[in-house]
């Protein structure tokens, strides 16, 4: 659990993302059916893979963003450009 409280926006956003993720891996007639039907081991595995891919994509995006900030402000020798 994070050390700082989530904002209402963050909580709603995470909840929506979780529902979309569940819908991607668990078939059903409607949201109620999907949420009340237990996931199979295969669906659980697919969900974990989805989360890992998202985490990796976020990490790569962060690294690219940090690289761009560094390359625009200073060289590796610390001089400004």
PDB file of N, CA and C in Angstrom:
ATOM      1  N   UNK A   1       0.848  -1.181   0.000  1.00  0.00           N
ATOM      2  CA  UNK A   1       0.000   0.000   0.000  1.00  0.00           C
ATOM      3  C   UNK A   1       0.892   1.242   0.000  1.00  0.00           C
ATOM      4  N   UNK A   2       0.565   2.244  -0.817  1.00  0.00           N
ATOM      5  CA  UNK A   2       1.398   3.445  -0.890  1.00  0.00           C
ATOM      6  C   UNK A   2       1.409   4.183   0.449  1.00  0.00           C
ATOM      7  N   UNK A   3       2.499   4.910   0.686  1.00  0.00           N
ATOM      8  CA  UNK A   3       2.619   5.658   1.931  1.00  0.00           C
ATOM      9  C   UNK A   3       1.761   6.923   1.920  1.00  0.00           C
ATOM     10  N   UNK A   4       1.345   7.375   0.755  1.00  0.00           N
ATOM     11  CA  UNK A   4       0.486   8.560   0.660  1.00  0.00           C
ATOM     12  C   UNK A   4      -0.901   8.131   0.188  1.00  0.00           C
ATOM     13  N   UNK A   5      -1.924   8.817   0.639  1.00  0.00           N
ATOM     14  CA  UNK A   5      -3.272   8.430   0.225  1.00  0.00           C
ATOM     15  C   UNK A   5      -3.515   8.730  -1.250  1.00  0.00           C
ATOM     16  N   UNK A   6      -4.281   7.877  -1.887  1.00  0.00           N
ATOM     17  CA  UNK A   6      -4.634   8.095  -3.288  1.00  0.00           C
ATOM     18  C   UNK A   6      -5.699   9.176  -3.381  1.00  0.00           C
ATOM     19  N   UNK A   7      -5.608   9.954  -4.423  1.00  0.00           N
ATOM     20  CA  UNK A   7      -6.677  10.918  -4.666  1.00  0.00           C
ATOM     21  C   UNK A   7      -7.887  10.153  -5.192  1.00  0.00           C
ATOM     22  N   UNK A   8      -9.015  10.775  -5.137  1.00  0.00           N
ATOM     23  CA  UNK A   8     -10.234  10.158  -5.657  1.00  0.00           C
ATOM     24  C   UNK A   8     -10.063   9.832  -7.140  1.00  0.00           C
ATOM     25  N   UNK A   9      -9.438  10.744  -7.874  1.00  0.00           N
ATOM     26  CA  UNK A   9      -9.203  10.509  -9.301  1.00  0.00           C
ATOM     27  C   UNK A   9      -8.359   9.253  -9.500  1.00  0.00           C
ATOM     28  N   UNK A  10      -7.270   9.115  -8.733  1.00  0.00           N
ATOM     29  CA  UNK A  10      -6.402   7.941  -8.863  1.00  0.00           C
ATOM     30  C   UNK A  10      -7.162   6.656  -8.557  1.00  0.00           C
ATOM     31  N   UNK A  11      -7.992   6.690  -7.508  1.00  0.00           N
ATOM     32  CA  UNK A  11      -8.761   5.502  -7.125  1.00  0.00           C
ATOM     33  C   UNK A  11      -9.750   5.120  -8.226  1.00  0.00           C
ATOM     34  N   UNK A  12     -10.440   6.093  -8.787  1.00  0.00           N
ATOM     35  CA  UNK A  12     -11.404   5.816  -9.855  1.00  0.00           C
ATOM     36  C   UNK A  12     -10.674   5.320 -11.097  1.00  0.00           C
ATOM     37  N   UNK A  13      -9.553   5.938 -11.441  1.00  0.00           N
ATOM     38  CA  UNK A  13      -8.785   5.537 -12.614  1.00  0.00           C
ATOM     39  C   UNK A  13      -8.287   4.101 -12.472  1.00  0.00           C
ATOM     40  N   UNK A  14      -7.737   3.761 -11.317  1.00  0.00           N
ATOM     41  CA  UNK A  14      -7.239   2.398 -11.092  1.00  0.00           C
ATOM     42  C   UNK A  14      -8.373   1.379 -11.140  1.00  0.00           C
ATOM     43  N   UNK A  15      -9.513   1.742 -10.590  1.00  0.00           N
ATOM     44  CA  UNK A  15     -10.658   0.836 -10.607  1.00  0.00           C
ATOM     45  C   UNK A  15     -11.126   0.596 -12.039  1.00  0.00           C
ATOM     46  N   UNK A  16     -11.219   1.658 -12.821  1.00  0.00           N
ATOM     47  CA  UNK A  16     -11.624   1.508 -14.226  1.00  0.00           C
ATOM     48  C   UNK A  16     -10.635   0.636 -14.988  1.00  0.00           C
ATOM     49  N   UNK A  17      -9.354   0.859 -14.765  1.00  0.00           N
ATOM     50  CA  UNK A  17      -8.334   0.071 -15.456  1.00  0.00           C
ATOM     51  C   UNK A  17      -8.444  -1.402 -15.065  1.00  0.00           C
ATOM     52  N   UNK A  18      -8.700  -1.682 -13.776  1.00  0.00           N
ATOM     53  CA  UNK A  18      -8.847  -3.049 -13.326  1.00  0.00           C
ATOM     54  C   UNK A  18     -10.048  -3.718 -13.992  1.00  0.00           C
ATOM     55  N   UNK A  19     -11.169  -3.009 -14.088  1.00  0.00           N
ATOM     56  CA  UNK A  19     -12.362  -3.568 -14.727  1.00  0.00           C
ATOM     57  C   UNK A  19     -12.083  -3.860 -16.199  1.00  0.00           C
ATOM     58  N   UNK A  20     -11.424  -2.954 -16.883  1.00  0.00           N
ATOM     59  CA  UNK A  20     -11.091  -3.174 -18.300  1.00  0.00           C
ATOM     60  C   UNK A  20     -10.169  -4.379 -18.436  1.00  0.00           C
ATOM     61  N   UNK A  21      -9.187  -4.503 -17.542  1.00  0.00           N
ATOM     62  CA  UNK A  21      -8.285  -5.653 -17.584  1.00  0.00           C
ATOM     63  C   UNK A  21      -9.040  -6.959 -17.396  1.00  0.00           C
ATOM     64  N   UNK A  22      -9.960  -6.980 -16.440  1.00  0.00           N
ATOM     65  CA  UNK A  22     -10.752  -8.191 -16.194  1.00  0.00           C
ATOM     66  C   UNK A  22     -11.575  -8.526 -17.437  1.00  0.00           C
ATOM     67  N   UNK A  23     -12.183  -7.529 -18.046  1.00  0.00           N
ATOM     68  CA  UNK A  23     -12.988  -7.769 -19.246  1.00  0.00           C
ATOM     69  C   UNK A  23     -12.149  -8.311 -20.398  1.00  0.00           C
ATOM     70  N   UNK A  24     -10.879  -7.954 -20.436  1.00  0.00           N
ATOM     71  CA  UNK A  24     -10.000  -8.444 -21.508  1.00  0.00           C
ATOM     72  C   UNK A  24      -9.730  -9.937 -21.383  1.00  0.00           C
ATOM     73  N   UNK A  25      -9.682 -10.446 -20.156  1.00  0.00           N
ATOM     74  CA  UNK A  25      -9.267 -11.837 -19.972  1.00  0.00           C
ATOM     75  C   UNK A  25     -10.399 -12.774 -19.563  1.00  0.00           C
ATOM     76  N   UNK A  26     -11.536 -12.252 -19.128  1.00  0.00           N
ATOM     77  CA  UNK A  26     -12.653 -13.105 -18.712  1.00  0.00           C
ATOM     78  C   UNK A  26     -13.888 -12.806 -19.551  1.00  0.00           C
ATOM     79  N   UNK A  27     -14.332 -13.767 -20.332  1.00  0.00           N
ATOM     80  CA  UNK A  27     -15.529 -13.551 -21.135  1.00  0.00           C
ATOM     81  C   UNK A  27     -16.792 -13.618 -20.268  1.00  0.00           C
ATOM     82  N   UNK A  28     -17.845 -12.991 -20.744  1.00  0.00           N
ATOM     83  CA  UNK A  28     -19.121 -13.035 -20.045  1.00  0.00           C
ATOM     84  C   UNK A  28     -20.160 -12.225 -20.785  1.00  0.00           C
ATOM     85  N   UNK A  29     -21.416 -12.449 -20.441  1.00  0.00           N
ATOM     86  CA  UNK A  29     -22.521 -11.739 -21.074  1.00  0.00           C
ATOM     87  C   UNK A  29     -22.573 -10.276 -20.669  1.00  0.00           C
ATOM     88  N   UNK A  30     -22.214  -9.999 -19.403  1.00  0.00           N
ATOM     89  CA  UNK A  30     -22.235  -8.623 -18.905  1.00  0.00           C
ATOM     90  C   UNK A  30     -21.245  -8.507 -17.750  1.00  0.00           C
ATOM     91  N   UNK A  31     -21.038  -7.300 -17.264  1.00  0.00           N
ATOM     92  CA  UNK A  31     -20.042  -7.061 -16.224  1.00  0.00           C
ATOM     93  C   UNK A  31     -20.345  -7.859 -14.959  1.00  0.00           C
ATOM     94  N   UNK A  32     -21.604  -7.951 -14.581  1.00  0.00           N
ATOM     95  CA  UNK A  32     -21.974  -8.710 -13.377  1.00  0.00           C
ATOM     96  C   UNK A  32     -21.569 -10.172 -13.519  1.00  0.00           C
ATOM     97  N   UNK A  33     -21.873 -10.772 -14.666  1.00  0.00           N
ATOM     98  CA  UNK A  33     -21.479 -12.166 -14.889  1.00  0.00           C
ATOM     99  C   UNK A  33     -19.971 -12.334 -14.800  1.00  0.00           C
ATOM    100  N   UNK A  34     -19.251 -11.434 -15.416  1.00  0.00           N
ATOM    101  CA  UNK A  34     -17.787 -11.520 -15.419  1.00  0.00           C
ATOM    102  C   UNK A  34     -17.253 -11.411 -13.996  1.00  0.00           C
ATOM    103  N   UNK A  35     -17.752 -10.459 -13.224  1.00  0.00           N
ATOM    104  CA  UNK A  35     -17.232 -10.238 -11.877  1.00  0.00           C
ATOM    105  C   UNK A  35     -17.615 -11.348 -10.898  1.00  0.00           C
ATOM    106  N   UNK A  36     -18.730 -12.029 -11.134  1.00  0.00           N
ATOM    107  CA  UNK A  36     -19.153 -13.105 -10.233  1.00  0.00           C
ATOM    108  C   UNK A  36     -18.652 -14.483 -10.658  1.00  0.00           C
ATOM    109  N   UNK A  37     -18.087 -14.588 -11.845  1.00  0.00           N
ATOM    110  CA  UNK A  37     -17.554 -15.862 -12.320  1.00  0.00           C
ATOM    111  C   UNK A  37     -16.077 -15.951 -11.951  1.00  0.00           C
ATOM    112  N   UNK A  38     -15.699 -17.009 -11.225  1.00  0.00           N
ATOM    113  CA  UNK A  38     -14.280 -17.146 -10.858  1.00  0.00           C
ATOM    114  C   UNK A  38     -13.400 -17.280 -12.107  1.00  0.00           C
ATOM    115  N   UNK A  39     -12.231 -16.694 -12.036  1.00  0.00           N
ATOM    116  CA  UNK A  39     -11.276 -16.796 -13.142  1.00  0.00           C
ATOM    117  C   UNK A  39     -10.640 -18.174 -13.141  1.00  0.00           C
ATOM    118  N   UNK A  40     -10.361 -18.661 -14.337  1.00  0.00           N
ATOM    119  CA  UNK A  40      -9.640 -19.929 -14.460  1.00  0.00           C
ATOM    120  C   UNK A  40      -8.160 -19.659 -14.219  1.00  0.00           C
ATOM    121  N   UNK A  41      -7.378 -20.686 -13.938  1.00  0.00           N
ATOM    122  CA  UNK A  41      -5.926 -20.480 -13.797  1.00  0.00           C
ATOM    123  C   UNK A  41      -5.302 -19.842 -15.049  1.00  0.00           C
ATOM    124  N   UNK A  42      -5.818 -20.212 -16.216  1.00  0.00           N
ATOM    125  CA  UNK A  42      -5.294 -19.630 -17.463  1.00  0.00           C
ATOM    126  C   UNK A  42      -5.611 -18.135 -17.543  1.00  0.00           C
ATOM    127  N   UNK A  43      -6.814 -17.751 -17.128  1.00  0.00           N
ATOM    128  CA  UNK A  43      -7.188 -16.332 -17.140  1.00  0.00           C
ATOM    129  C   UNK A  43      -6.369 -15.545 -16.126  1.00  0.00           C
ATOM    130  N   UNK A  44      -6.112 -16.145 -14.970  1.00  0.00           N
ATOM    131  CA  UNK A  44      -5.263 -15.490 -13.967  1.00  0.00           C
ATOM    132  C   UNK A  44      -3.859 -15.264 -14.521  1.00  0.00           C
ATOM    133  N   UNK A  45      -3.337 -16.273 -15.216  1.00  0.00           N
ATOM    134  CA  UNK A  45      -2.008 -16.155 -15.817  1.00  0.00           C
ATOM    135  C   UNK A  45      -1.993 -15.070 -16.890  1.00  0.00           C
ATOM    136  N   UNK A  46      -3.016 -15.044 -17.724  1.00  0.00           N
ATOM    137  CA  UNK A  46      -3.114 -14.018 -18.768  1.00  0.00           C
ATOM    138  C   UNK A  46      -3.182 -12.618 -18.148  1.00  0.00           C
ATOM    139  N   UNK A  47      -3.918 -12.496 -17.044  1.00  0.00           N
ATOM    140  CA  UNK A  47      -4.027 -11.207 -16.361  1.00  0.00           C
ATOM    141  C   UNK A  47      -2.673 -10.781 -15.805  1.00  0.00           C
ATOM    142  N   UNK A  48      -1.943 -11.713 -15.197  1.00  0.00           N
ATOM    143  CA  UNK A  48      -0.620 -11.386 -14.666  1.00  0.00           C
ATOM    144  C   UNK A  48       0.331 -10.948 -15.783  1.00  0.00           C
ATOM    145  N   UNK A  49       0.263 -11.617 -16.929  1.00  0.00           N
ATOM    146  CA  UNK A  49       1.086 -11.236 -18.076  1.00  0.00           C
ATOM    147  C   UNK A  49       0.728  -9.836 -18.560  1.00  0.00           C
ATOM    148  N   UNK A  50      -0.555  -9.526 -18.578  1.00  0.00           N
ATOM    149  CA  UNK A  50      -1.020  -8.194 -18.974  1.00  0.00           C
ATOM    150  C   UNK A  50      -0.445  -7.133 -18.037  1.00  0.00           C
ATOM    151  N   UNK A  51      -0.494  -7.394 -16.737  1.00  0.00           N
ATOM    152  CA  UNK A  51       0.042  -6.445 -15.759  1.00  0.00           C
ATOM    153  C   UNK A  51       1.551  -6.275 -15.914  1.00  0.00           C
ATOM    154  N   UNK A  52       2.253  -7.369 -16.168  1.00  0.00           N
ATOM    155  CA  UNK A  52       3.706  -7.295 -16.352  1.00  0.00           C
ATOM    156  C   UNK A  52       4.067  -6.502 -17.604  1.00  0.00           C
ATOM    157  N   UNK A  53       3.315  -6.719 -18.691  1.00  0.00           N
ATOM    158  CA  UNK A  53       3.583  -5.952 -19.923  1.00  0.00           C
ATOM    159  C   UNK A  53       3.346  -4.469 -19.689  1.00  0.00           C
ATOM    160  N   UNK A  54       2.260  -4.130 -18.969  1.00  0.00           N
ATOM    161  CA  UNK A  54       1.976  -2.725 -18.685  1.00  0.00           C
ATOM    162  C   UNK A  54       3.087  -2.116 -17.824  1.00  0.00           C
ATOM    163  N   UNK A  55       3.500  -2.843 -16.790  1.00  0.00           N
ATOM    164  CA  UNK A  55       4.566  -2.345 -15.916  1.00  0.00           C
ATOM    165  C   UNK A  55       5.852  -2.109 -16.700  1.00  0.00           C
ATOM    166  N   UNK A  56       6.192  -3.031 -17.592  1.00  0.00           N
ATOM    167  CA  UNK A  56       7.390  -2.878 -18.417  1.00  0.00           C
ATOM    168  C   UNK A  56       7.256  -1.674 -19.348  1.00  0.00           C
ATOM    169  N   UNK A  57       6.095  -1.483 -19.943  1.00  0.00           N
ATOM    170  CA  UNK A  57       5.876  -0.345 -20.838  1.00  0.00           C
ATOM    171  C   UNK A  57       5.993   0.975 -20.080  1.00  0.00           C
ATOM    172  N   UNK A  58       5.450   1.026 -18.877  1.00  0.00           N
ATOM    173  CA  UNK A  58       5.550   2.245 -18.059  1.00  0.00           C
ATOM    174  C   UNK A  58       7.003   2.515 -17.708  1.00  0.00           C
ATOM    175  N   UNK A  59       7.738   1.472 -17.358  1.00  0.00           N
ATOM    176  CA  UNK A  59       9.150   1.615 -17.006  1.00  0.00           C
ATOM    177  C   UNK A  59       9.959   2.124 -18.201  1.00  0.00           C
ATOM    178  N   UNK A  60       9.698   1.561 -19.377  1.00  0.00           N
ATOM    179  CA  UNK A  60      10.409   1.995 -20.585  1.00  0.00           C
ATOM    180  C   UNK A  60      10.056   3.436 -20.937  1.00  0.00           C
ATOM    181  N   UNK A  61       8.800   3.809 -20.804  1.00  0.00           N
ATOM    182  CA  UNK A  61       8.381   5.184 -21.079  1.00  0.00           C
ATOM    183  C   UNK A  61       9.075   6.147 -20.128  1.00  0.00           C
ATOM    184  N   UNK A  62       9.172   5.771 -18.872  1.00  0.00           N
ATOM    185  CA  UNK A  62       9.834   6.612 -17.873  1.00  0.00           C
ATOM    186  C   UNK A  62      11.314   6.780 -18.206  1.00  0.00           C
ATOM    187  N   UNK A  63      11.950   5.694 -18.621  1.00  0.00           N
ATOM    188  CA  UNK A  63      13.367   5.761 -18.982  1.00  0.00           C
ATOM    189  C   UNK A  63      13.580   6.668 -20.195  1.00  0.00           C
ATOM    190  N   UNK A  64      12.695   6.545 -21.199  1.00  0.00           N
ATOM    191  CA  UNK A  64      12.808   7.413 -22.379  1.00  0.00           C
ATOM    192  C   UNK A  64      12.608   8.871 -21.985  1.00  0.00           C
ATOM    193  N   UNK A  65      11.635   9.107 -21.130  1.00  0.00           N
ATOM    194  CA  UNK A  65      11.347  10.470 -20.680  1.00  0.00           C
ATOM    195  C   UNK A  65      12.539  11.047 -19.925  1.00  0.00           C
ATOM    196  N   UNK A  66      13.131  10.258 -19.037  1.00  0.00           N
ATOM    197  CA  UNK A  66      14.298  10.714 -18.287  1.00  0.00           C
ATOM    198  C   UNK A  66      15.476  10.963 -19.207  1.00  0.00           C
ATOM    199  N   UNK A  67      15.660  10.117 -20.220  1.00  0.00           N
ATOM    200  CA  UNK A  67      16.746  10.305 -21.166  1.00  0.00           C
ATOM    201  C   UNK A  67      16.563  11.604 -21.933  1.00  0.00           C
ATOM    202  N   UNK A  68      15.348  11.860 -22.384  1.00  0.00           N
ATOM    203  CA  UNK A  68      15.096  13.078 -23.148  1.00  0.00           C
ATOM    204  C   UNK A  68      15.328  14.312 -22.293  1.00  0.00           C
ATOM    205  N   UNK A  69      14.920  14.275 -21.023  1.00  0.00           N
ATOM    206  CA  UNK A  69      15.166  15.421 -20.136  1.00  0.00           C
ATOM    207  C   UNK A  69      16.656  15.642 -19.973  1.00  0.00           C
ATOM    208  N   UNK A  70      17.420  14.561 -19.775  1.00  0.00           N
ATOM    209  CA  UNK A  70      18.865  14.675 -19.589  1.00  0.00           C
ATOM    210  C   UNK A  70      19.527  15.188 -20.860  1.00  0.00           C
ATOM    211  N   UNK A  71      19.177  14.615 -21.993  1.00  0.00           N
ATOM    212  CA  UNK A  71      19.863  14.979 -23.228  1.00  0.00           C
ATOM    213  C   UNK A  71      19.550  16.408 -23.666  1.00  0.00           C
ATOM    214  N   UNK A  72      18.413  16.950 -23.251  1.00  0.00           N
ATOM    215  CA  UNK A  72      18.072  18.315 -23.630  1.00  0.00           C
ATOM    216  C   UNK A  72      18.699  19.353 -22.704  1.00  0.00           C
ATOM    217  N   UNK A  73      19.074  18.974 -21.495  1.00  0.00           N
ATOM    218  CA  UNK A  73      19.543  19.973 -20.542  1.00  0.00           C
ATOM    219  C   UNK A  73      21.043  19.985 -20.350  1.00  0.00           C
ATOM    220  N   UNK A  74      21.674  18.817 -20.383  1.00  0.00           N
ATOM    221  CA  UNK A  74      23.119  18.818 -20.195  1.00  0.00           C
ATOM    222  C   UNK A  74      23.749  17.587 -20.810  1.00  0.00           C
ATOM    223  N   UNK A  75      25.006  17.708 -21.135  1.00  0.00           N
ATOM    224  CA  UNK A  75      25.724  16.564 -21.667  1.00  0.00           C
ATOM    225  C   UNK A  75      26.165  15.682 -20.517  1.00  0.00           C
ATOM    226  N   UNK A  76      26.787  14.566 -20.824  1.00  0.00           N
ATOM    227  CA  UNK A  76      27.239  13.687 -19.760  1.00  0.00           C
ATOM    228  C   UNK A  76      28.367  14.300 -18.937  1.00  0.00           C
ATOM    229  N   UNK A  77      28.941  15.396 -19.416  1.00  0.00           N
ATOM    230  CA  UNK A  77      30.009  16.086 -18.685  1.00  0.00           C
ATOM    231  C   UNK A  77      29.454  17.204 -17.801  1.00  0.00           C
ATOM    232  N   UNK A  78      28.159  17.367 -17.826  1.00  0.00           N
ATOM    233  CA  UNK A  78      27.534  18.347 -16.942  1.00  0.00           C
ATOM    234  C   UNK A  78      27.392  19.739 -17.534  1.00  0.00           C
ATOM    235  N   UNK A  79      27.884  19.970 -18.763  1.00  0.00           N
ATOM    236  CA  UNK A  79      27.734  21.288 -19.341  1.00  0.00           C
ATOM    237  C   UNK A  79      26.362  21.435 -19.981  1.00  0.00           C
ATOM    238  N   UNK A  80      25.833  22.624 -19.886  1.00  0.00           N
ATOM    239  CA  UNK A  80      24.483  22.906 -20.405  1.00  0.00           C
ATOM    240  C   UNK A  80      24.502  23.057 -21.902  1.00  0.00           C
ATOM    241  N   UNK A  81      23.424  22.648 -22.522  1.00  0.00           N
ATOM    242  CA  UNK A  81      23.298  22.796 -23.983  1.00  0.00           C
ATOM    243  C   UNK A  81      22.105  23.619 -24.308  1.00  0.00           C
TER     244      UNK A  81
END
